[in-house]
Protein backbone atom coordinates (compact mmCIF):
# COMPACT_ATOMS: atom_id res chain seq x y z
CA MET A 1 2.12 -12.01 -2.59
CA LYS A 2 0.36 -14.68 -0.59
CA THR A 3 -1.84 -16.75 -2.89
CA ILE A 4 -4.92 -17.34 -0.80
CA LYS A 5 -7.92 -17.50 -3.12
CA LEU A 6 -11.09 -16.31 -1.40
CA LEU A 7 -14.56 -15.69 -2.78
CA LEU A 8 -14.32 -13.12 -5.55
CA GLY A 9 -17.54 -11.42 -4.55
CA PHE A 10 -16.20 -10.06 -1.27
CA ALA A 11 -16.12 -6.28 -1.03
CA LEU A 12 -13.53 -4.42 1.03
CA THR A 13 -15.89 -3.91 3.93
CA ALA A 14 -16.89 -7.57 3.96
CA THR A 15 -13.33 -8.76 3.62
CA LEU A 16 -11.49 -6.45 5.98
CA MET A 17 -14.21 -5.96 8.54
CA ALA A 18 -14.76 -9.69 9.11
CA SER A 19 -15.28 -10.61 12.74
CA CYS A 20 -12.22 -11.75 14.65
CA THR A 21 -12.00 -14.29 17.43
CA THR A 22 -10.16 -12.05 19.88
CA GLU A 23 -12.33 -9.72 21.93
CA VAL A 24 -11.18 -6.87 24.11
CA VAL A 25 -13.17 -4.61 26.37
CA VAL A 26 -13.65 -1.00 25.30
CA ASP A 27 -11.68 1.24 27.65
CA ASP A 28 -12.44 4.61 29.23
CA TYR A 29 -11.51 6.43 26.03
CA GLY A 30 -14.14 4.53 24.10
CA PRO A 31 -17.84 5.25 23.62
CA ASN A 32 -18.99 3.39 26.73
CA ASN A 33 -16.71 5.25 29.16
CA THR A 34 -16.05 2.03 31.06
CA VAL A 35 -13.10 1.33 33.28
CA PRO A 36 -10.23 -0.22 31.25
CA THR A 37 -9.67 -3.90 31.95
CA ILE A 38 -6.52 -4.45 29.85
CA THR A 39 -3.33 -2.47 29.41
CA LEU A 40 -2.40 -0.69 26.21
CA ASN A 41 0.34 -3.26 25.61
CA GLN A 42 -2.25 -6.03 25.85
CA LEU A 43 -4.57 -4.17 23.50
CA LEU A 44 -1.86 -3.64 20.86
CA GLY A 45 -0.83 -7.29 21.14
CA SER A 46 -4.37 -8.67 20.97
CA TYR A 47 -4.20 -8.64 17.15
CA GLU A 48 -1.26 -9.70 15.01
CA LEU A 49 -1.96 -7.15 12.29
CA TRP A 50 -3.44 -3.67 12.42
CA TYR A 51 -4.71 -2.62 8.98
CA VAL A 52 -4.28 1.12 8.40
CA ASP A 53 -7.64 2.25 6.99
CA ILE A 54 -6.19 5.27 5.23
CA ASN A 55 -9.55 6.55 3.98
CA GLN A 56 -10.85 7.00 7.54
CA THR A 57 -8.04 9.40 8.47
CA THR A 58 -9.19 12.70 9.96
CA GLY A 59 -7.14 15.88 10.18
CA TYR A 60 -4.98 17.73 7.68
CA GLY A 61 -1.56 16.51 8.84
CA GLU A 62 0.34 13.35 7.97
CA THR A 63 2.49 10.92 9.93
CA PRO A 64 4.92 9.58 7.29
CA PHE A 65 5.33 5.95 8.41
CA LEU A 66 1.56 5.51 8.86
CA GLN A 67 0.85 7.17 5.53
CA ILE A 68 2.78 4.48 3.63
CA ALA A 69 1.95 1.40 5.71
CA PHE A 70 -0.73 -1.13 4.81
CA THR A 71 -0.42 -2.89 8.17
CA MET A 72 1.33 -2.28 11.48
CA SER A 73 2.22 -4.80 14.17
CA PHE A 74 3.39 -4.23 17.74
CA ARG A 75 5.30 -7.20 19.11
CA ASN A 76 7.44 -7.21 22.24
CA GLY A 77 8.64 -3.64 21.79
CA ILE A 78 9.31 -3.94 18.04
CA VAL A 79 7.19 -2.20 15.38
CA TYR A 80 6.66 -4.09 12.12
CA ALA A 81 5.06 -2.75 8.95
CA ASN A 82 3.95 -3.99 5.55
CA ASN A 83 4.94 -1.02 3.39
CA ASN A 84 5.37 -2.96 0.15
CA LEU A 85 3.00 -5.11 -1.88
CA VAL A 86 5.93 -7.12 -3.23
CA GLY A 87 6.18 -9.94 -0.70
CA PHE A 88 2.90 -8.89 0.92
CA GLY A 89 1.71 -11.75 3.11
CA SER A 90 5.02 -13.60 3.10
CA GLN A 91 7.66 -11.03 4.07
CA GLY A 92 8.50 -11.39 7.75
CA GLY A 93 5.99 -14.20 8.13
CA GLY A 94 3.23 -11.79 7.12
CA PHE A 95 4.24 -9.05 9.57
CA GLY A 96 6.45 -7.19 7.08
CA ILE A 97 9.71 -5.58 8.14
CA ASP A 98 11.10 -4.23 11.41
CA VAL A 99 10.74 -0.43 11.21
CA GLY A 100 11.47 0.65 14.78
CA THR A 101 10.60 0.25 18.45
CA TYR A 102 7.77 1.41 20.69
CA ASP A 103 6.81 2.07 24.28
CA ALA A 104 3.20 1.86 25.46
CA TYR A 105 2.08 3.23 28.81
CA ASN A 106 -1.19 4.54 30.21
CA ARG A 107 -2.96 5.35 26.93
CA ILE A 108 0.10 6.78 25.15
CA LEU A 109 2.05 5.06 22.37
CA ASP A 110 5.57 6.32 21.67
CA VAL A 111 7.12 5.07 18.43
CA PHE A 112 10.80 5.43 17.58
CA HIS A 113 10.84 4.93 13.82
CA ASP A 114 14.10 4.01 12.10
CA ILE A 115 13.71 6.81 9.53
CA ASP A 116 11.07 9.20 10.85
CA GLY A 117 12.30 9.27 14.44
CA TYR A 118 10.13 9.88 17.49
CA GLN A 119 6.34 10.02 17.07
CA THR A 120 3.80 9.96 19.89
CA PHE A 121 0.09 9.11 19.88
CA ASP A 122 -2.89 9.07 22.19
CA VAL A 123 -4.63 5.73 21.73
CA TYR A 124 -8.42 5.45 21.74
CA GLN A 125 -10.23 2.15 21.47
CA ILE A 126 -13.24 2.58 19.17
CA ASP A 127 -14.63 -0.96 19.25
CA ASN A 128 -13.48 -4.55 19.68
CA ASN A 129 -11.06 -4.44 16.74
CA THR A 130 -10.58 -0.75 15.95
CA ILE A 131 -8.18 1.71 17.52
CA GLU A 132 -7.52 5.37 16.82
CA LEU A 133 -3.96 6.73 16.90
CA TYR A 134 -4.18 10.47 17.51
CA ASN A 135 -1.01 12.49 16.89
CA PRO A 136 -1.33 15.62 19.07
CA TYR A 137 1.45 17.41 17.20
CA ASN A 138 -0.20 17.36 13.77
CA ASP A 139 -3.81 16.98 15.03
CA THR A 140 -4.41 13.94 12.83
CA SER A 141 -5.99 10.58 13.63
CA TYR A 142 -5.36 7.26 11.91
CA PHE A 143 -7.76 4.35 12.37
CA LEU A 144 -6.41 0.81 12.53
CA ASN A 145 -8.48 -2.40 12.31
CA GLY A 146 -7.18 -5.52 14.08
CA TYR A 147 -6.83 -8.97 12.48
CA GLN A 148 -5.03 -12.21 12.97
CA ARG A 149 -2.82 -13.30 10.10
CA SER A 150 -5.05 -16.34 9.54
CA ASN A 151 -8.14 -14.26 8.72
CA PHE A 152 -6.56 -11.26 6.99
CA ASP A 153 -7.16 -11.16 3.23
CA TYR A 154 -3.71 -10.28 1.89
CA ASP A 155 -4.85 -10.94 -1.68
CA PHE A 156 -7.70 -8.46 -1.54
CA VAL A 157 -5.47 -5.66 -0.23
CA PHE A 158 -2.87 -6.48 -2.88
CA TYR A 159 -5.26 -6.30 -5.82
CA ASP A 160 -7.19 -3.34 -4.44
CA ASN A 161 -3.92 -1.36 -4.38
CA ILE A 162 -2.19 -2.84 -7.43
CA HIS A 163 -1.10 0.56 -8.80
CA TYR A 164 1.27 0.79 -5.82
CA PHE A 165 2.68 -2.63 -6.76
CA LEU A 166 3.54 -1.30 -10.21
CA GLN A 167 5.51 1.52 -8.54
CA GLU A 168 7.67 -0.83 -6.48
CA TYR A 169 10.20 -1.47 -9.26
CA GLU A 170 12.42 1.10 -10.89
CA ALA A 171 11.47 -0.34 -14.29
CA TRP A 172 9.49 -3.16 -15.91
CA GLU A 173 11.32 -4.93 -18.73
CA LYS A 174 9.46 -6.71 -21.54
CA THR A 175 10.68 -10.30 -21.33
CA TYR A 176 8.12 -12.13 -23.46
CA THR A 177 5.96 -11.43 -26.52
CA SER A 178 3.60 -14.07 -27.85
CA GLU A 179 3.92 -15.26 -31.44
CA MET A 180 0.18 -14.89 -31.82
CA GLY A 181 -1.08 -11.35 -32.34
CA ALA A 182 -1.02 -8.65 -34.97
CA ILE A 183 1.93 -6.29 -35.33
CA ASN A 184 1.25 -3.05 -33.47
CA GLU A 185 3.02 0.08 -32.21
CA PHE A 186 3.43 -1.24 -28.67
CA ASP A 187 5.69 -4.02 -29.97
CA ASN A 188 8.45 -1.40 -30.00
CA GLU A 189 8.15 -0.53 -26.29
CA ASN A 190 10.57 -2.53 -24.16
CA TYR A 191 10.52 -0.81 -20.76
CA LEU A 192 7.81 0.74 -18.60
CA GLN A 193 8.05 2.76 -15.41
CA PHE A 194 5.16 3.75 -13.15
CA LEU A 195 5.99 6.89 -11.21
CA ALA A 196 5.25 7.47 -7.55
CA GLY A 197 4.38 10.84 -6.10
CA GLY A 198 2.48 13.75 -7.59
CA ASN A 199 -0.86 12.64 -9.01
CA ASP A 200 0.14 8.95 -8.93
CA SER A 201 -0.75 8.49 -12.60
CA GLU A 202 2.38 9.13 -14.67
CA PHE A 203 4.25 6.45 -16.58
CA ARG A 204 7.29 6.42 -18.82
CA SER A 205 8.21 4.06 -21.65
CA SER A 206 11.40 3.29 -23.54
CA GLN A 207 12.40 1.49 -26.73
CA ASP A 208 15.89 0.74 -25.37
CA VAL A 209 17.08 -2.86 -25.59
CA ASN A 210 18.98 -4.99 -23.06
CA ILE A 211 19.71 -2.32 -20.47
CA GLY A 212 21.19 -3.97 -17.40
CA ILE A 213 20.79 -1.07 -14.95
CA PRO A 214 17.41 0.73 -14.79
CA GLU A 215 19.12 4.07 -14.16
CA ASN A 216 20.68 3.83 -17.63
CA ILE A 217 17.37 3.56 -19.47
CA TYR A 218 16.56 6.44 -21.79
CA TRP A 219 12.87 7.21 -21.43
CA ASP A 220 11.34 8.14 -24.79
CA TYR A 221 7.89 9.08 -23.59
CA THR A 222 6.05 10.27 -20.47
CA GLY A 223 2.27 10.06 -20.22
CA VAL A 224 -0.53 9.17 -17.84
CA TYR A 225 -1.89 5.75 -16.98
CA GLY A 226 -4.89 4.30 -15.19
CA VAL A 227 -5.68 0.97 -13.53
CA GLY A 228 -9.31 -0.17 -13.44
CA ASN A 229 -11.40 -3.06 -12.16
CA ILE A 230 -13.07 -5.81 -14.18
CA SER A 231 -16.49 -6.73 -12.82
CA GLY A 232 -16.65 -10.16 -11.25
CA ASN A 233 -12.89 -10.82 -11.32
CA MET A 234 -10.81 -9.38 -8.49
CA TYR A 235 -7.61 -10.80 -9.94
CA LEU A 236 -7.87 -9.18 -13.38
CA LYS A 237 -7.43 -5.44 -13.96
CA THR A 238 -7.41 -3.04 -16.89
CA LEU A 239 -4.37 -0.93 -17.66
CA THR A 240 -4.58 2.10 -19.96
CA LEU A 241 -1.46 3.87 -21.21
CA ASP A 242 -2.13 7.26 -22.79
CA TYR A 243 0.15 7.71 -25.82
CA ASP A 244 -0.80 11.03 -27.40
CA PHE A 245 1.00 10.35 -30.65
CA PHE A 246 -0.70 7.04 -31.46
CA ASP A 247 -3.75 6.94 -29.18
CA ASN A 248 -4.26 5.02 -25.96
CA GLU A 249 -3.09 1.47 -25.40
CA HIS A 250 -5.48 -0.78 -23.50
CA PHE A 251 -4.51 -4.02 -21.72
CA GLU A 252 -5.85 -6.64 -19.39
CA LEU A 253 -3.39 -6.82 -16.50
CA SER A 254 -2.80 -9.96 -14.46
CA VAL A 255 -0.09 -10.76 -11.94
CA ILE A 256 2.02 -13.87 -12.52
CA ASN A 257 4.14 -13.46 -9.39
CA ASP A 258 5.72 -10.73 -7.28
CA GLN A 259 8.10 -9.77 -10.08
CA ARG A 260 6.21 -10.50 -13.28
CA VAL A 261 2.97 -9.26 -14.83
CA GLU A 262 1.10 -10.22 -17.99
CA LEU A 263 -0.41 -7.61 -20.31
CA TYR A 264 -2.95 -8.87 -22.82
CA HIS A 265 -3.48 -6.42 -25.71
CA PRO A 266 -7.05 -7.06 -26.95
CA SER A 267 -6.81 -4.95 -30.11
CA SER A 268 -3.91 -7.02 -31.47
CA GLY A 269 -4.42 -10.29 -29.57
CA THR A 270 -0.81 -10.10 -28.29
CA ILE A 271 0.31 -11.21 -24.84
CA TYR A 272 3.31 -9.48 -23.24
CA GLU A 273 5.13 -10.29 -20.04
CA PHE A 274 7.05 -7.65 -18.10
CA THR A 275 9.54 -8.40 -15.32
CA GLY A 276 10.30 -5.95 -12.54
CA ARG A 277 13.85 -4.60 -12.30
CA GLY A 278 15.26 -2.69 -9.33
CA TYR A 279 13.00 -3.55 -6.39
CA ILE A 280 12.36 -0.59 -4.06
CA GLN A 281 11.84 -1.47 -0.40
CA PHE A 282 9.99 1.36 1.28
CA LEU A 283 11.10 2.37 4.74
CA ARG A 284 9.42 5.70 4.16
CA GLU A 285 8.09 7.67 1.23
CA THR A 286 10.07 8.09 -1.96
CA ASN A 287 10.30 10.71 -4.65
CA ALA A 288 8.76 10.61 -8.12
CA GLU A 289 11.75 8.63 -9.40
CA GLY A 290 11.04 5.89 -6.87
CA LYS A 291 14.17 6.65 -4.81
CA ARG A 292 13.98 7.07 -1.06
CA VAL A 293 14.68 10.64 0.01
CA GLU A 294 14.45 12.70 3.15
CA GLY A 295 13.33 16.28 3.57
CA THR A 296 11.28 16.60 0.38
CA GLU A 297 7.53 16.98 -0.02
CA THR A 298 6.78 15.07 -3.25
CA LEU A 299 6.95 11.58 -1.82
CA LYS A 300 5.47 8.16 -2.46
CA LYS A 301 2.62 7.41 -0.07
CA ARG A 302 -0.83 5.93 0.06
CA LYS A 303 -3.35 8.47 -1.14
CA GLN A 304 -6.51 9.11 0.87
CA LYS A 305 -9.47 8.67 -1.50
CA THR A 306 -11.86 10.47 0.83
CA ASP A 307 -11.80 14.23 1.39
CA LYS A 308 -9.66 15.40 4.29
CA THR A 309 -11.76 16.69 7.18
CA GLU A 310 -11.08 18.57 10.39
CA ASN A 311 -10.25 16.35 13.34
CA MET A 312 -12.78 16.81 16.11
CA ARG A 313 -10.64 14.97 18.66
CA THR A 314 -9.64 17.16 21.62
CA ASN A 315 -5.91 17.52 22.10
CA LYS A 316 -5.43 16.56 25.77
CA ARG A 317 -1.73 17.41 25.70
CA SER A 318 -2.03 21.02 24.58
């Protein structure tokens, strides 16, 4: 996680929609119906990062590699993506990982993804830093906002999606408990796991001790969890674990680094630290166990918070 501390009062629209120094002319697919003055390759390369605004997606289909990516980059025929929040802002110099190749011609973008294979899009330029990728085969459009690495707020995206960060390790091991604090039931819990897929809100806990391989952990309990915001502090979150047999456990969650989090337990005054074990690098979606799979439907992906709507874009290839 790149530690750039910006003003805490920025909202997502203010942070991610900040004006950029690069300007491009809207082409004939845009609202002004003007003659294009740059090629599609030039347009894709005019910004270093394209943020996938998942909540603006229209259509009922899904393109797997776009559904999991936070950012995409198109550089000299290579497609890069930030699919993980671990290392977000530093992995690949901020571009993420190499996920495939592309070919851009006329107003068509062909992507050859390492896992998902061939995908094709019609590209529409919406404004100076927004493009629409329309997939004619699933009738779905994704909207990408362009930024340079120097003015992209990696921290905001990280903390706004922190529940995905918790899912990027196979398990979290308790590695520190403060001497201060009253004895409480949670003292006995030594491992946590935050499950991907499904409703994105299940966790598991274990009282095992000193398990070297996450796959060998015996999970004693499965429940639901929630991550919430704390007003005025972007870097501090709430974490609630629902234990039916002894009530909910409430924590203040803060991130120490890309592999360690701190949980402050207000009711007992105890501070815990958990360290991530078994990092999962996402090339595509994964199942509820956090393992990458192919050909299944219950997969890890970014969830669209807005209601899905019909895509009004005309399919010019039909």
